[in-house]
Amino acid sequence: MTKYIIDRFEGNYAICEQEDQKIISIPKYKLPLHCKEGSVLIQDINGMYQIAPEEREKRKRNLKEKMNRLFE
């Protein structure tokens, strides 16, 4: 299952980065209402996207660990 990370919003599109670092545009109407920059999405069988909150927390934790190692 491919994961997408919302980088930013431009007009009616969310600009997202795939796991393979490819950039794609996803129409906002396919996104859940409460998504924001940094949200991790997965695509369901209907072509709509769902937020994967556990993945966002995992990314935040990994980033914090990297920052801690960098400044220690």
N, C-alpha and C. Protein backbone atom coordinates (compact mmCIF):
# COMPACT_ATOMS: atom_id res chain seq x y z
N MET A 1 0.84 -1.17 0.00
CA MET A 1 0.00 0.00 0.00
C MET A 1 0.90 1.25 0.00
N THR A 2 0.69 2.11 -0.96
CA THR A 2 1.50 3.32 -1.08
C THR A 2 1.02 4.37 -0.10
N LYS A 3 1.97 5.07 0.49
CA LYS A 3 1.66 6.17 1.40
C LYS A 3 2.02 7.47 0.72
N TYR A 4 1.24 8.50 1.01
CA TYR A 4 1.45 9.83 0.45
C TYR A 4 1.53 10.83 1.60
N ILE A 5 2.46 11.75 1.54
CA ILE A 5 2.61 12.78 2.57
C ILE A 5 2.26 14.11 1.94
N ILE A 6 1.33 14.83 2.55
CA ILE A 6 0.94 16.13 2.02
C ILE A 6 2.05 17.13 2.30
N ASP A 7 2.60 17.69 1.25
CA ASP A 7 3.65 18.69 1.35
C ASP A 7 3.03 20.08 1.48
N ARG A 8 2.04 20.37 0.63
CA ARG A 8 1.41 21.69 0.63
C ARG A 8 0.11 21.62 -0.17
N PHE A 9 -0.64 22.71 -0.10
CA PHE A 9 -1.86 22.84 -0.88
C PHE A 9 -1.67 23.96 -1.90
N GLU A 10 -2.12 23.72 -3.11
CA GLU A 10 -2.08 24.72 -4.17
C GLU A 10 -3.43 24.69 -4.87
N GLY A 11 -4.21 25.74 -4.67
CA GLY A 11 -5.53 25.80 -5.27
C GLY A 11 -6.39 24.64 -4.82
N ASN A 12 -6.91 23.88 -5.75
CA ASN A 12 -7.78 22.75 -5.44
C ASN A 12 -7.04 21.42 -5.33
N TYR A 13 -5.72 21.49 -5.16
CA TYR A 13 -4.91 20.27 -5.12
C TYR A 13 -4.03 20.22 -3.88
N ALA A 14 -3.78 19.01 -3.43
CA ALA A 14 -2.77 18.75 -2.41
C ALA A 14 -1.55 18.22 -3.16
N ILE A 15 -0.40 18.82 -2.93
CA ILE A 15 0.84 18.36 -3.53
C ILE A 15 1.45 17.38 -2.54
N CYS A 16 1.61 16.14 -2.99
CA CYS A 16 2.02 15.06 -2.09
C CYS A 16 3.28 14.38 -2.60
N GLU A 17 4.01 13.84 -1.63
CA GLU A 17 5.20 13.06 -1.96
C GLU A 17 4.90 11.59 -1.67
N GLN A 18 5.17 10.76 -2.67
CA GLN A 18 5.02 9.32 -2.48
C GLN A 18 6.23 8.77 -1.74
N GLU A 19 6.14 7.53 -1.32
CA GLU A 19 7.26 6.89 -0.62
C GLU A 19 8.52 6.85 -1.47
N ASP A 20 8.37 6.75 -2.79
CA ASP A 20 9.53 6.71 -3.68
C ASP A 20 10.01 8.12 -4.06
N GLN A 21 9.52 9.13 -3.35
CA GLN A 21 9.88 10.54 -3.49
C GLN A 21 9.34 11.18 -4.76
N LYS A 22 8.44 10.52 -5.43
CA LYS A 22 7.77 11.09 -6.59
C LYS A 22 6.70 12.07 -6.09
N ILE A 23 6.55 13.21 -6.76
CA ILE A 23 5.58 14.22 -6.38
C ILE A 23 4.33 14.07 -7.24
N ILE A 24 3.15 14.07 -6.59
CA ILE A 24 1.89 13.99 -7.32
C ILE A 24 0.93 15.04 -6.79
N SER A 25 -0.07 15.39 -7.60
CA SER A 25 -1.14 16.30 -7.19
C SER A 25 -2.41 15.49 -7.00
N ILE A 26 -3.06 15.68 -5.86
CA ILE A 26 -4.30 14.97 -5.57
C ILE A 26 -5.40 16.02 -5.41
N PRO A 27 -6.51 15.87 -6.12
CA PRO A 27 -7.62 16.82 -5.96
C PRO A 27 -8.14 16.81 -4.52
N LYS A 28 -8.42 18.00 -3.99
CA LYS A 28 -8.86 18.12 -2.61
C LYS A 28 -10.14 17.33 -2.32
N TYR A 29 -11.02 17.20 -3.31
CA TYR A 29 -12.28 16.50 -3.06
C TYR A 29 -12.06 15.02 -2.72
N LYS A 30 -10.89 14.48 -3.03
CA LYS A 30 -10.60 13.09 -2.71
C LYS A 30 -10.00 12.92 -1.31
N LEU A 31 -9.77 14.04 -0.61
CA LEU A 31 -9.12 14.00 0.70
C LEU A 31 -10.12 14.10 1.83
N PRO A 32 -9.78 13.57 3.01
CA PRO A 32 -10.63 13.77 4.18
C PRO A 32 -10.61 15.25 4.59
N LEU A 33 -11.65 15.69 5.26
CA LEU A 33 -11.78 17.10 5.63
C LEU A 33 -10.68 17.61 6.55
N HIS A 34 -10.20 16.81 7.45
CA HIS A 34 -9.28 17.28 8.48
C HIS A 34 -7.81 17.05 8.17
N CYS A 35 -7.47 16.79 6.94
CA CYS A 35 -6.06 16.60 6.62
C CYS A 35 -5.36 17.95 6.52
N LYS A 36 -4.06 17.94 6.73
CA LYS A 36 -3.27 19.16 6.68
C LYS A 36 -1.87 18.81 6.20
N GLU A 37 -1.03 19.83 6.05
CA GLU A 37 0.35 19.58 5.64
C GLU A 37 1.01 18.63 6.62
N GLY A 38 1.70 17.64 6.10
CA GLY A 38 2.35 16.64 6.94
C GLY A 38 1.51 15.41 7.19
N SER A 39 0.21 15.47 6.85
CA SER A 39 -0.64 14.29 7.03
C SER A 39 -0.17 13.17 6.11
N VAL A 40 -0.23 11.96 6.62
CA VAL A 40 0.13 10.78 5.83
C VAL A 40 -1.17 10.14 5.37
N LEU A 41 -1.28 9.91 4.07
CA LEU A 41 -2.49 9.37 3.48
C LEU A 41 -2.25 7.99 2.88
N ILE A 42 -3.30 7.21 2.86
CA ILE A 42 -3.31 5.95 2.11
C ILE A 42 -4.56 5.98 1.23
N GLN A 43 -4.49 5.35 0.08
CA GLN A 43 -5.61 5.35 -0.86
C GLN A 43 -6.46 4.11 -0.64
N ASP A 44 -7.79 4.30 -0.57
CA ASP A 44 -8.67 3.15 -0.39
C ASP A 44 -9.07 2.57 -1.75
N ILE A 45 -9.85 1.52 -1.72
CA ILE A 45 -10.19 0.82 -2.97
C ILE A 45 -11.10 1.65 -3.88
N ASN A 46 -11.72 2.70 -3.35
CA ASN A 46 -12.59 3.57 -4.14
C ASN A 46 -11.85 4.75 -4.75
N GLY A 47 -10.53 4.82 -4.54
CA GLY A 47 -9.74 5.92 -5.08
C GLY A 47 -9.72 7.15 -4.20
N MET A 48 -10.36 7.07 -3.03
CA MET A 48 -10.35 8.18 -2.08
C MET A 48 -9.18 7.95 -1.12
N TYR A 49 -8.86 8.96 -0.35
CA TYR A 49 -7.70 8.89 0.54
C TYR A 49 -8.14 8.99 1.99
N GLN A 50 -7.45 8.26 2.84
CA GLN A 50 -7.72 8.26 4.27
C GLN A 50 -6.45 8.66 5.02
N ILE A 51 -6.61 9.33 6.15
CA ILE A 51 -5.47 9.70 6.97
C ILE A 51 -4.99 8.48 7.74
N ALA A 52 -3.67 8.32 7.80
CA ALA A 52 -3.04 7.26 8.59
C ALA A 52 -2.35 7.93 9.78
N PRO A 53 -3.08 8.23 10.88
CA PRO A 53 -2.52 9.01 11.97
C PRO A 53 -1.30 8.37 12.63
N GLU A 54 -1.25 7.06 12.69
CA GLU A 54 -0.11 6.39 13.32
C GLU A 54 1.17 6.64 12.53
N GLU A 55 1.04 6.77 11.20
CA GLU A 55 2.21 7.04 10.37
C GLU A 55 2.74 8.45 10.60
N ARG A 56 1.85 9.40 10.79
CA ARG A 56 2.30 10.78 11.04
C ARG A 56 3.05 10.85 12.36
N GLU A 57 2.53 10.19 13.39
CA GLU A 57 3.20 10.18 14.69
C GLU A 57 4.56 9.51 14.59
N LYS A 58 4.63 8.44 13.82
CA LYS A 58 5.90 7.73 13.62
C LYS A 58 6.92 8.65 12.93
N ARG A 59 6.49 9.40 11.91
CA ARG A 59 7.38 10.33 11.22
C ARG A 59 7.85 11.44 12.17
N LYS A 60 6.94 11.98 12.99
CA LYS A 60 7.31 13.03 13.93
C LYS A 60 8.33 12.52 14.95
N ARG A 61 8.13 11.31 15.43
CA ARG A 61 9.04 10.71 16.40
C ARG A 61 10.42 10.50 15.78
N ASN A 62 10.46 9.99 14.55
CA ASN A 62 11.74 9.78 13.86
C ASN A 62 12.47 11.09 13.63
N LEU A 63 11.75 12.13 13.24
CA LEU A 63 12.36 13.44 13.02
C LEU A 63 12.92 14.00 14.32
N LYS A 64 12.18 13.85 15.40
CA LYS A 64 12.65 14.33 16.70
C LYS A 64 13.92 13.61 17.12
N GLU A 65 13.97 12.30 16.91
CA GLU A 65 15.17 11.53 17.24
C GLU A 65 16.37 11.99 16.42
N LYS A 66 16.16 12.25 15.14
CA LYS A 66 17.25 12.74 14.29
C LYS A 66 17.74 14.10 14.75
N MET A 67 16.83 14.98 15.11
CA MET A 67 17.20 16.31 15.59
C MET A 67 17.99 16.20 16.90
N ASN A 68 17.56 15.32 17.78
CA ASN A 68 18.27 15.12 19.05
C ASN A 68 19.69 14.62 18.82
N ARG A 69 19.85 13.68 17.91
CA ARG A 69 21.20 13.16 17.60
C ARG A 69 22.07 14.24 16.97
N LEU A 70 21.47 15.06 16.14
CA LEU A 70 22.21 16.12 15.46
C LEU A 70 22.77 17.14 16.45
N PHE A 71 21.99 17.48 17.47
CA PHE A 71 22.40 18.53 18.40
C PHE A 71 23.02 18.03 19.69
N GLU A 72 23.23 16.73 19.80
CA GLU A 72 23.89 16.20 21.01
C GLU A 72 25.38 16.26 20.90
